[in-house]
N, C-alpha and C. Protein backbone atom coordinates (compact mmCIF):
# COMPACT_ATOMS: atom_id res chain seq x y z
N UNK A 1 95.27 34.56 138.45
CA UNK A 1 95.27 35.69 139.63
C UNK A 1 94.81 36.97 139.75
N UNK A 2 94.02 37.51 140.42
CA UNK A 2 93.53 39.01 140.25
C UNK A 2 94.54 40.01 140.40
N UNK A 3 94.48 41.03 139.48
CA UNK A 3 95.28 42.04 139.93
C UNK A 3 95.22 42.77 141.11
N UNK A 4 96.44 43.18 141.31
CA UNK A 4 96.36 43.85 142.99
C UNK A 4 95.70 45.42 142.53
N UNK A 5 94.96 45.89 143.55
CA UNK A 5 94.17 47.25 143.38
C UNK A 5 94.61 48.27 144.50
N UNK A 6 95.11 49.37 144.31
CA UNK A 6 95.67 50.03 145.26
C UNK A 6 95.03 50.13 146.91
N UNK A 7 93.70 50.16 146.47
CA UNK A 7 92.98 50.03 147.79
C UNK A 7 93.04 48.85 148.57
N UNK A 8 93.42 47.80 148.03
CA UNK A 8 93.78 46.54 148.81
C UNK A 8 95.29 46.60 149.63
N UNK A 9 95.93 47.65 149.01
CA UNK A 9 97.32 47.43 149.57
C UNK A 9 97.32 48.09 151.08
N UNK A 10 97.97 47.63 152.34
CA UNK A 10 98.00 47.95 153.23
C UNK A 10 99.39 48.56 153.73
N UNK A 11 99.57 49.96 154.00
CA UNK A 11 100.88 50.41 154.12
C UNK A 11 101.06 50.60 155.63
N UNK A 12 102.44 50.12 155.99
CA UNK A 12 102.63 50.25 157.45
C UNK A 12 103.72 51.61 157.41
N UNK A 13 103.00 52.50 158.49
CA UNK A 13 103.55 53.73 158.98
C UNK A 13 104.44 53.13 160.32
N UNK A 14 105.69 53.69 160.44
CA UNK A 14 106.37 53.65 161.36
C UNK A 14 105.91 54.22 162.61
N UNK A 15 105.72 53.87 163.87
CA UNK A 15 105.57 54.40 165.06
C UNK A 15 106.02 55.87 165.27
N UNK A 16 107.30 56.10 164.94
CA UNK A 16 107.85 57.13 165.22
C UNK A 16 107.82 58.20 164.01
N UNK A 17 107.01 58.18 163.24
CA UNK A 17 106.81 59.12 162.25
C UNK A 17 105.77 60.32 162.65
N UNK A 18 106.11 61.42 162.45
CA UNK A 18 105.80 62.49 163.23
C UNK A 18 104.91 63.45 162.27
N UNK A 19 105.11 63.36 161.06
CA UNK A 19 104.09 63.89 160.12
C UNK A 19 103.68 63.09 158.97
N UNK A 20 103.00 62.23 159.26
CA UNK A 20 102.44 60.84 158.16
C UNK A 20 101.72 61.55 156.96
N UNK A 21 102.22 60.81 155.78
CA UNK A 21 102.19 61.11 154.42
C UNK A 21 100.44 60.58 154.42
N UNK A 22 99.47 61.06 153.64
CA UNK A 22 97.74 60.52 153.67
C UNK A 22 98.32 59.52 152.44
N UNK A 23 97.68 58.26 152.86
CA UNK A 23 98.23 57.14 151.72
C UNK A 23 96.66 56.49 151.30
N UNK A 24 95.45 57.52 151.78
CA UNK A 24 94.48 56.94 150.74
C UNK A 24 94.90 56.71 149.47
N UNK A 25 94.22 55.86 148.66
CA UNK A 25 92.99 55.26 149.06
C UNK A 25 93.82 53.94 149.95
N UNK A 26 94.83 53.48 150.00
CA UNK A 26 95.38 52.40 150.72
C UNK A 26 94.89 52.48 152.45
N UNK A 27 95.13 51.14 152.91
CA UNK A 27 94.73 50.89 154.23
C UNK A 27 96.10 51.05 154.90
N UNK A 28 95.91 51.49 156.04
CA UNK A 28 96.73 52.02 157.03
C UNK A 28 96.93 51.25 158.10
N UNK A 29 98.33 50.88 158.67
CA UNK A 29 98.60 50.52 160.11
C UNK A 29 99.88 51.01 160.47
N UNK A 30 99.79 51.61 162.12
CA UNK A 30 101.06 52.07 162.27
C UNK A 30 101.34 50.93 163.17
N UNK A 31 102.99 50.67 162.66
CA UNK A 31 103.79 49.85 163.60
C UNK A 31 105.12 49.89 163.46
N UNK A 32 105.85 49.26 164.26
CA UNK A 32 107.35 49.90 164.15
C UNK A 32 107.99 48.86 162.77
N UNK A 33 108.97 49.77 162.58
CA UNK A 33 109.41 49.45 161.07
C UNK A 33 111.30 49.13 161.51
N UNK A 34 112.26 48.38 161.14
CA UNK A 34 113.17 48.42 161.77
C UNK A 34 114.24 49.39 161.09
N UNK A 35 113.58 49.70 159.74
CA UNK A 35 114.52 50.55 159.16
C UNK A 35 113.15 51.79 158.38
N UNK A 36 113.63 52.71 158.01
CA UNK A 36 112.68 53.69 157.47
C UNK A 36 111.09 54.24 158.04
N UNK A 37 110.25 54.67 157.13
CA UNK A 37 109.20 55.20 157.96
C UNK A 37 108.14 54.69 157.42
N UNK A 38 107.96 54.19 156.24
CA UNK A 38 106.88 53.56 155.45
C UNK A 38 107.34 52.17 154.89
N UNK A 39 106.54 51.18 154.60
CA UNK A 39 106.78 49.93 153.84
C UNK A 39 105.47 49.30 153.75
N UNK A 40 105.23 48.04 153.25
CA UNK A 40 104.13 47.24 152.96
C UNK A 40 103.77 46.20 153.77
N UNK A 41 102.51 46.17 154.42
CA UNK A 41 102.48 45.08 155.40
C UNK A 41 102.69 43.61 154.36
N UNK A 42 103.53 42.86 155.01
CA UNK A 42 104.07 41.53 154.28
C UNK A 42 105.25 41.78 153.64
N UNK A 43 105.92 42.85 153.23
CA UNK A 43 107.12 42.98 152.44
C UNK A 43 107.75 44.11 153.36
N UNK A 44 107.83 44.02 154.64
CA UNK A 44 108.60 44.97 155.45
C UNK A 44 110.01 44.46 155.40
N UNK A 45 110.40 43.37 155.15
CA UNK A 45 111.86 43.52 154.73
C UNK A 45 112.30 43.53 153.08
N UNK A 46 111.34 43.78 152.44
CA UNK A 46 111.62 43.92 151.17
C UNK A 46 111.79 45.79 150.66
N UNK A 47 110.74 46.20 151.24
CA UNK A 47 110.21 47.42 150.85
C UNK A 47 110.36 48.85 151.79
N UNK A 48 111.19 49.53 151.58
CA UNK A 48 111.29 51.08 152.83
C UNK A 48 111.20 52.07 152.01
N UNK A 49 110.74 52.68 152.69
CA UNK A 49 110.85 54.64 152.28
C UNK A 49 111.05 55.28 153.54
N UNK A 50 112.26 56.14 153.35
CA UNK A 50 112.35 57.23 154.27
C UNK A 50 111.87 58.58 154.09
N UNK A 51 110.96 59.29 154.82
CA UNK A 51 110.66 60.50 154.55
C UNK A 51 111.42 61.35 155.29
N UNK A 52 111.59 62.37 154.50
CA UNK A 52 112.49 63.64 154.88
C UNK A 52 111.76 65.06 154.52
N UNK A 53 111.76 65.98 155.53
CA UNK A 53 111.34 67.15 155.21
C UNK A 53 112.28 68.12 154.87
N UNK A 54 112.33 69.32 154.30
CA UNK A 54 113.64 70.22 153.75
C UNK A 54 114.36 70.23 155.03
N UNK A 55 113.98 70.56 156.01
CA UNK A 55 114.64 70.93 157.64
C UNK A 55 115.32 69.71 157.82
N UNK A 56 114.63 68.24 157.77
CA UNK A 56 115.43 67.13 158.27
C UNK A 56 116.35 66.93 157.42
N UNK A 57 115.98 66.84 155.46
CA UNK A 57 117.12 66.93 154.87
C UNK A 57 118.13 67.53 155.16
N UNK A 58 118.13 68.95 155.53
CA UNK A 58 119.20 69.78 155.83
C UNK A 58 120.09 69.41 157.01
N UNK A 59 119.62 69.01 157.87
CA UNK A 59 120.14 68.62 158.93
C UNK A 59 120.83 67.42 158.95
N UNK A 60 120.28 66.49 157.92
CA UNK A 60 121.33 65.45 157.44
C UNK A 60 122.46 65.64 156.93
N UNK A 61 122.24 66.96 156.23
CA UNK A 61 123.59 67.24 155.31
C UNK A 61 124.76 67.84 156.43
N UNK A 62 123.96 68.02 157.61
CA UNK A 62 125.00 68.98 158.64
C UNK A 62 125.43 67.68 159.77
N UNK A 63 125.02 68.30 160.86
CA UNK A 63 124.88 67.80 162.30
C UNK A 63 124.50 66.18 162.37
N UNK A 64 123.54 65.71 161.36
CA UNK A 64 123.14 64.41 161.52
C UNK A 64 123.82 63.55 160.56
N UNK A 65 124.88 63.95 159.74
CA UNK A 65 125.24 63.36 158.48
C UNK A 65 125.76 61.80 158.78
N UNK A 66 126.58 61.53 160.05
CA UNK A 66 126.98 60.31 160.03
C UNK A 66 126.03 59.50 160.20
N UNK A 67 124.96 59.71 161.25
CA UNK A 67 123.56 59.08 161.31
C UNK A 67 122.96 58.86 160.30
N UNK A 68 122.87 59.71 159.33
CA UNK A 68 121.76 59.59 158.08
C UNK A 68 122.48 58.31 157.10
N UNK A 69 124.03 58.77 157.15
CA UNK A 69 124.61 57.75 156.26
C UNK A 69 124.80 56.46 156.67
N UNK A 70 124.58 56.10 157.83
CA UNK A 70 124.69 54.83 158.24
C UNK A 70 122.61 54.15 158.04
N UNK A 71 121.81 55.18 158.00
CA UNK A 71 120.42 55.14 157.73
C UNK A 71 120.67 54.54 156.42
N UNK A 72 121.05 55.57 155.35
CA UNK A 72 121.37 54.84 153.97
C UNK A 72 121.78 53.83 153.70
N UNK A 73 122.84 53.36 154.47
CA UNK A 73 123.61 52.36 154.18
C UNK A 73 122.70 51.30 154.58
N UNK A 74 121.66 51.05 155.57
CA UNK A 74 121.02 49.95 156.06
C UNK A 74 119.91 50.02 154.95
N UNK A 75 119.61 50.66 154.38
CA UNK A 75 118.33 50.88 153.35
C UNK A 75 118.98 50.04 152.00
N UNK A 76 120.10 49.94 151.76
CA UNK A 76 120.51 49.38 150.91
C UNK A 76 120.20 47.73 150.70
N UNK A 77 120.09 47.25 151.63
CA UNK A 77 119.57 46.00 152.03
C UNK A 77 118.32 45.50 151.60
N UNK A 78 117.62 46.60 151.22
CA UNK A 78 115.89 46.22 150.95
C UNK A 78 116.28 46.43 149.37
N UNK A 79 115.21 45.45 148.63
CA UNK A 79 115.08 45.48 147.31
C UNK A 79 114.51 46.87 146.90
N UNK A 80 113.48 47.40 147.08
CA UNK A 80 113.14 48.43 147.05
C UNK A 80 113.22 49.67 148.38
N UNK A 81 113.75 50.69 148.01
CA UNK A 81 114.20 51.62 149.02
C UNK A 81 114.21 53.07 148.33
N UNK A 82 114.30 53.89 149.15
CA UNK A 82 114.37 55.29 148.76
C UNK A 82 113.95 56.38 149.80
N UNK A 83 114.61 57.40 149.89
CA UNK A 83 113.99 58.59 150.40
C UNK A 83 113.87 59.64 149.61
N UNK A 84 112.49 60.00 150.25
CA UNK A 84 111.38 61.15 149.32
C UNK A 84 111.57 62.01 150.39
N UNK A 85 112.32 63.29 149.66
CA UNK A 85 112.21 64.58 150.41
C UNK A 85 111.22 65.45 149.88
N UNK A 86 110.44 65.92 150.96
CA UNK A 86 109.82 67.18 150.62
C UNK A 86 110.43 68.16 150.26
N UNK A 87 110.90 68.28 149.30
CA UNK A 87 111.56 69.83 148.74
C UNK A 87 112.17 69.62 146.82
N UNK A 88 111.92 70.73 146.86
CA UNK A 88 112.46 70.80 145.13
C UNK A 88 114.17 71.16 145.13
N UNK A 89 114.75 71.10 143.92
CA UNK A 89 115.85 71.53 143.86
C UNK A 89 115.99 72.93 143.97
N UNK A 90 114.98 73.77 143.50
CA UNK A 90 114.83 75.15 143.73
C UNK A 90 114.73 75.67 145.21
N UNK A 91 113.76 74.68 145.98
CA UNK A 91 114.29 74.58 147.66
C UNK A 91 115.94 74.76 148.00
N UNK A 92 116.23 74.37 147.38
CA UNK A 92 118.08 73.55 148.05
C UNK A 92 118.48 75.02 147.03
N UNK A 93 118.34 75.31 145.83
CA UNK A 93 118.76 76.66 145.39
C UNK A 93 118.39 77.98 146.43
N UNK A 94 117.31 78.36 146.69
CA UNK A 94 116.79 79.26 147.60
C UNK A 94 117.68 79.21 148.86
N UNK A 95 118.00 78.21 149.45
CA UNK A 95 118.81 77.99 150.94
C UNK A 95 118.23 78.40 152.02
N UNK A 96 116.43 78.62 152.07
CA UNK A 96 116.04 79.34 153.09
C UNK A 96 115.74 78.30 154.21
N UNK A 97 116.74 78.38 154.89
CA UNK A 97 116.26 77.44 156.19
C UNK A 97 117.62 78.19 157.22
N UNK A 98 117.22 77.13 158.77
CA UNK A 98 118.01 78.04 159.87
C UNK A 98 119.49 77.69 160.05
N UNK A 99 119.62 76.69 159.01
CA UNK A 99 121.31 76.02 159.17
C UNK A 99 122.24 77.03 158.59
N UNK A 100 123.38 76.76 159.17
CA UNK A 100 124.58 77.63 158.72
C UNK A 100 125.05 76.84 157.27
N UNK A 101 124.64 75.95 157.05
CA UNK A 101 125.00 74.80 155.65
C UNK A 101 124.34 76.00 154.35
N UNK A 102 125.41 75.93 153.47
CA UNK A 102 124.84 76.80 152.27
C UNK A 102 124.33 76.02 151.16
N UNK A 103 123.52 76.52 150.51
CA UNK A 103 122.75 75.51 149.34
C UNK A 103 123.80 74.93 148.70
N UNK A 104 125.10 75.58 148.30
CA UNK A 104 125.91 74.38 147.66
C UNK A 104 126.24 73.31 148.16
N UNK A 105 126.49 73.32 149.79
CA UNK A 105 126.77 72.30 150.70
C UNK A 105 125.55 71.22 150.33
N UNK A 106 124.28 71.79 150.72
CA UNK A 106 122.97 70.68 150.51
C UNK A 106 122.88 69.95 149.35
N UNK A 107 123.20 70.83 148.54
CA UNK A 107 123.31 70.36 146.91
C UNK A 107 124.32 69.18 146.34
N UNK A 108 125.44 69.42 147.14
CA UNK A 108 126.59 68.92 147.23
C UNK A 108 125.98 67.34 147.94
N UNK A 109 125.81 67.23 148.76
CA UNK A 109 125.44 66.06 149.63
C UNK A 109 124.31 65.53 148.85
N UNK A 110 123.36 66.17 148.16
CA UNK A 110 122.32 65.36 147.52
C UNK A 110 123.08 64.62 146.48
N UNK A 111 124.18 65.28 145.69
CA UNK A 111 124.46 64.68 144.60
C UNK A 111 125.57 63.47 145.10
N UNK A 112 126.42 63.43 145.59
CA UNK A 112 127.03 63.14 146.67
C UNK A 112 126.38 61.65 147.18
N UNK A 113 125.10 61.74 147.55
CA UNK A 113 124.50 60.19 147.88
C UNK A 113 123.77 59.63 146.75
N UNK A 114 123.50 60.39 145.66
CA UNK A 114 123.00 60.02 144.54
C UNK A 114 124.36 59.14 144.19
N UNK A 115 125.66 59.71 144.12
CA UNK A 115 126.67 58.97 143.06
C UNK A 115 126.55 57.82 144.16
N UNK A 116 126.66 57.57 145.17
CA UNK A 116 126.84 56.44 146.08
C UNK A 116 125.90 55.30 145.72
N UNK A 117 125.00 55.58 144.91
CA UNK A 117 123.67 54.55 144.73
C UNK A 117 122.38 54.76 145.62
N UNK A 118 122.58 55.34 146.24
CA UNK A 118 121.47 55.79 146.83
C UNK A 118 120.11 56.62 146.04
N UNK A 119 119.00 56.06 146.34
CA UNK A 119 117.84 56.83 145.59
C UNK A 119 117.36 57.84 146.67
N UNK A 120 117.52 58.98 146.48
CA UNK A 120 116.98 60.58 146.51
C UNK A 120 116.20 60.87 145.91
N UNK A 121 115.00 61.08 146.28
CA UNK A 121 113.70 61.68 145.43
C UNK A 121 113.35 63.08 145.69
N UNK A 122 113.28 63.89 144.86
CA UNK A 122 112.83 65.37 145.37
C UNK A 122 111.29 65.10 144.97
N UNK A 123 110.61 65.38 146.19
CA UNK A 123 109.17 65.40 145.81
C UNK A 123 108.47 66.23 146.21
N UNK A 124 109.09 67.72 145.93
CA UNK A 124 108.45 69.01 145.82
C UNK A 124 107.88 69.50 147.10
N UNK A 125 106.86 68.80 147.65
CA UNK A 125 105.91 69.19 148.72
C UNK A 125 105.28 67.82 149.53
N UNK A 126 104.55 68.13 150.71
CA UNK A 126 104.58 67.34 151.58
C UNK A 126 103.37 66.14 150.57
N UNK A 127 102.64 66.90 149.88
CA UNK A 127 101.29 66.10 149.08
C UNK A 127 102.17 65.43 148.12
N UNK A 128 102.87 65.84 147.19
CA UNK A 128 103.57 65.42 146.28
C UNK A 128 104.41 64.16 146.84
N UNK A 129 105.07 64.32 147.33
CA UNK A 129 106.03 63.51 148.15
C UNK A 129 104.96 62.34 148.63
N UNK A 130 104.10 62.42 149.21
CA UNK A 130 102.69 61.47 149.35
C UNK A 130 102.29 60.26 148.10
N UNK A 131 102.18 61.43 147.20
CA UNK A 131 102.05 60.43 145.82
C UNK A 131 102.75 59.84 145.47
N UNK A 132 104.10 60.05 145.60
CA UNK A 132 105.37 59.50 145.17
C UNK A 132 105.41 57.99 145.64
N UNK A 133 105.68 58.16 146.82
CA UNK A 133 105.58 57.03 147.92
C UNK A 133 104.54 56.02 147.88
N UNK A 134 103.16 56.52 148.03
CA UNK A 134 102.50 55.62 147.47
C UNK A 134 102.23 54.91 146.25
N UNK A 135 102.83 55.45 145.32
CA UNK A 135 103.15 54.60 144.05
C UNK A 135 104.16 53.73 144.22
N UNK A 136 105.26 54.16 144.61
CA UNK A 136 106.37 53.31 144.96
C UNK A 136 105.89 52.06 145.74
N UNK A 137 105.43 52.11 146.81
CA UNK A 137 104.83 51.19 147.60
C UNK A 137 103.93 50.25 146.51
N UNK A 138 102.62 50.92 145.98
CA UNK A 138 101.85 49.68 144.82
C UNK A 138 102.58 49.10 144.23
N UNK A 139 103.50 49.40 143.22
CA UNK A 139 104.14 49.28 142.29
C UNK A 139 105.16 47.79 142.85
N UNK A 140 105.63 48.25 143.73
CA UNK A 140 106.74 47.13 144.58
C UNK A 140 105.66 46.13 144.73
N UNK A 141 104.61 46.38 145.54
CA UNK A 141 103.89 45.13 146.00
C UNK A 141 102.99 44.59 144.68
N UNK A 142 102.62 45.11 143.74
CA UNK A 142 102.27 44.32 142.32
C UNK A 142 102.96 43.73 141.94
N UNK A 143 104.62 44.33 141.76
CA UNK A 143 105.58 43.44 141.26
C UNK A 143 105.84 42.29 142.01
N UNK A 144 105.87 42.14 143.20
CA UNK A 144 105.96 41.07 144.38
C UNK A 144 105.11 40.05 143.84
N UNK A 145 103.87 40.56 144.14
CA UNK A 145 103.03 39.69 143.93
C UNK A 145 102.89 38.92 142.64
N UNK A 146 102.98 39.48 141.65
CA UNK A 146 103.20 38.79 140.16
C UNK A 146 104.55 37.63 139.87
N UNK A 147 105.12 38.37 140.80
CA UNK A 147 106.45 37.05 140.84
C UNK A 147 106.34 35.84 141.79
N UNK A 148 105.63 36.31 142.65
CA UNK A 148 104.73 35.10 143.40
C UNK A 148 103.94 34.17 142.56
N UNK A 149 103.43 35.03 141.90
CA UNK A 149 102.49 33.87 141.11
C UNK A 149 103.27 33.36 139.70
N UNK A 150 104.21 33.82 139.63
CA UNK A 150 104.90 33.28 138.30
C UNK A 150 105.74 32.01 138.94
N UNK A 151 106.09 32.03 140.43
CA UNK A 151 106.72 31.20 140.91
C UNK A 151 105.73 30.14 141.58
N UNK A 152 104.84 30.19 141.59
CA UNK A 152 103.78 29.27 141.98
C UNK A 152 103.23 28.28 140.76
N UNK A 153 102.78 28.94 139.73
CA UNK A 153 102.55 28.65 138.29
C UNK A 153 103.69 27.73 137.72
N UNK A 154 104.92 28.11 137.70
CA UNK A 154 105.81 27.51 137.39
C UNK A 154 105.79 26.19 138.28
N UNK A 155 105.90 25.73 139.59
CA UNK A 155 105.76 24.97 139.92
C UNK A 155 104.50 23.92 139.83
N UNK A 156 103.48 24.53 139.67
CA UNK A 156 102.13 24.08 139.26
C UNK A 156 102.29 22.88 137.82
N UNK A 157 103.28 23.64 136.95
CA UNK A 157 103.45 23.27 135.63
C UNK A 157 104.52 21.97 135.76
N UNK A 158 105.36 21.84 136.58
CA UNK A 158 106.22 20.60 136.79
C UNK A 158 105.80 19.86 137.63
N UNK A 159 104.77 19.97 138.72
CA UNK A 159 104.10 19.43 139.01
C UNK A 159 104.72 18.95 140.64
N UNK A 160 105.26 20.28 141.09
CA UNK A 160 105.88 20.00 142.44
C UNK A 160 104.83 20.32 143.32
N UNK A 161 104.98 19.72 144.63
CA UNK A 161 103.99 20.17 145.79
C UNK A 161 104.10 22.10 146.15
């Protein structure tokens, strides 16, 4: 079976996504996703990535906390899931946002969600976060393709239809 190439990957971007990442060289389709902002065509129930800008994430630490917690809990059901935040730890420390939340509160929320087993990734900025997400999507798809090939090959060896 030939190896999956990144340009063969079709990334699904949710219709509600406001500031989509550049997913080149992948193919892109815009479609409704039940959870998160990004997935892979054919693996929508397996792979889910949520994009957060710094402002979005700060909001999730404050007034949107309960809604975001529910979103994180839904992501647990996906084999591969992550929240990629377009910010760095230094951005958290600077605390340059309009919210009344302090840097310490935002950093504590981030650490608290990590301690609950959620995958939150600091992606520094929009472009870097896109690169991280594209890599996660590609390697998740490549892994699943190899897994499927092993299942098919195992069934062929034992003579199953």
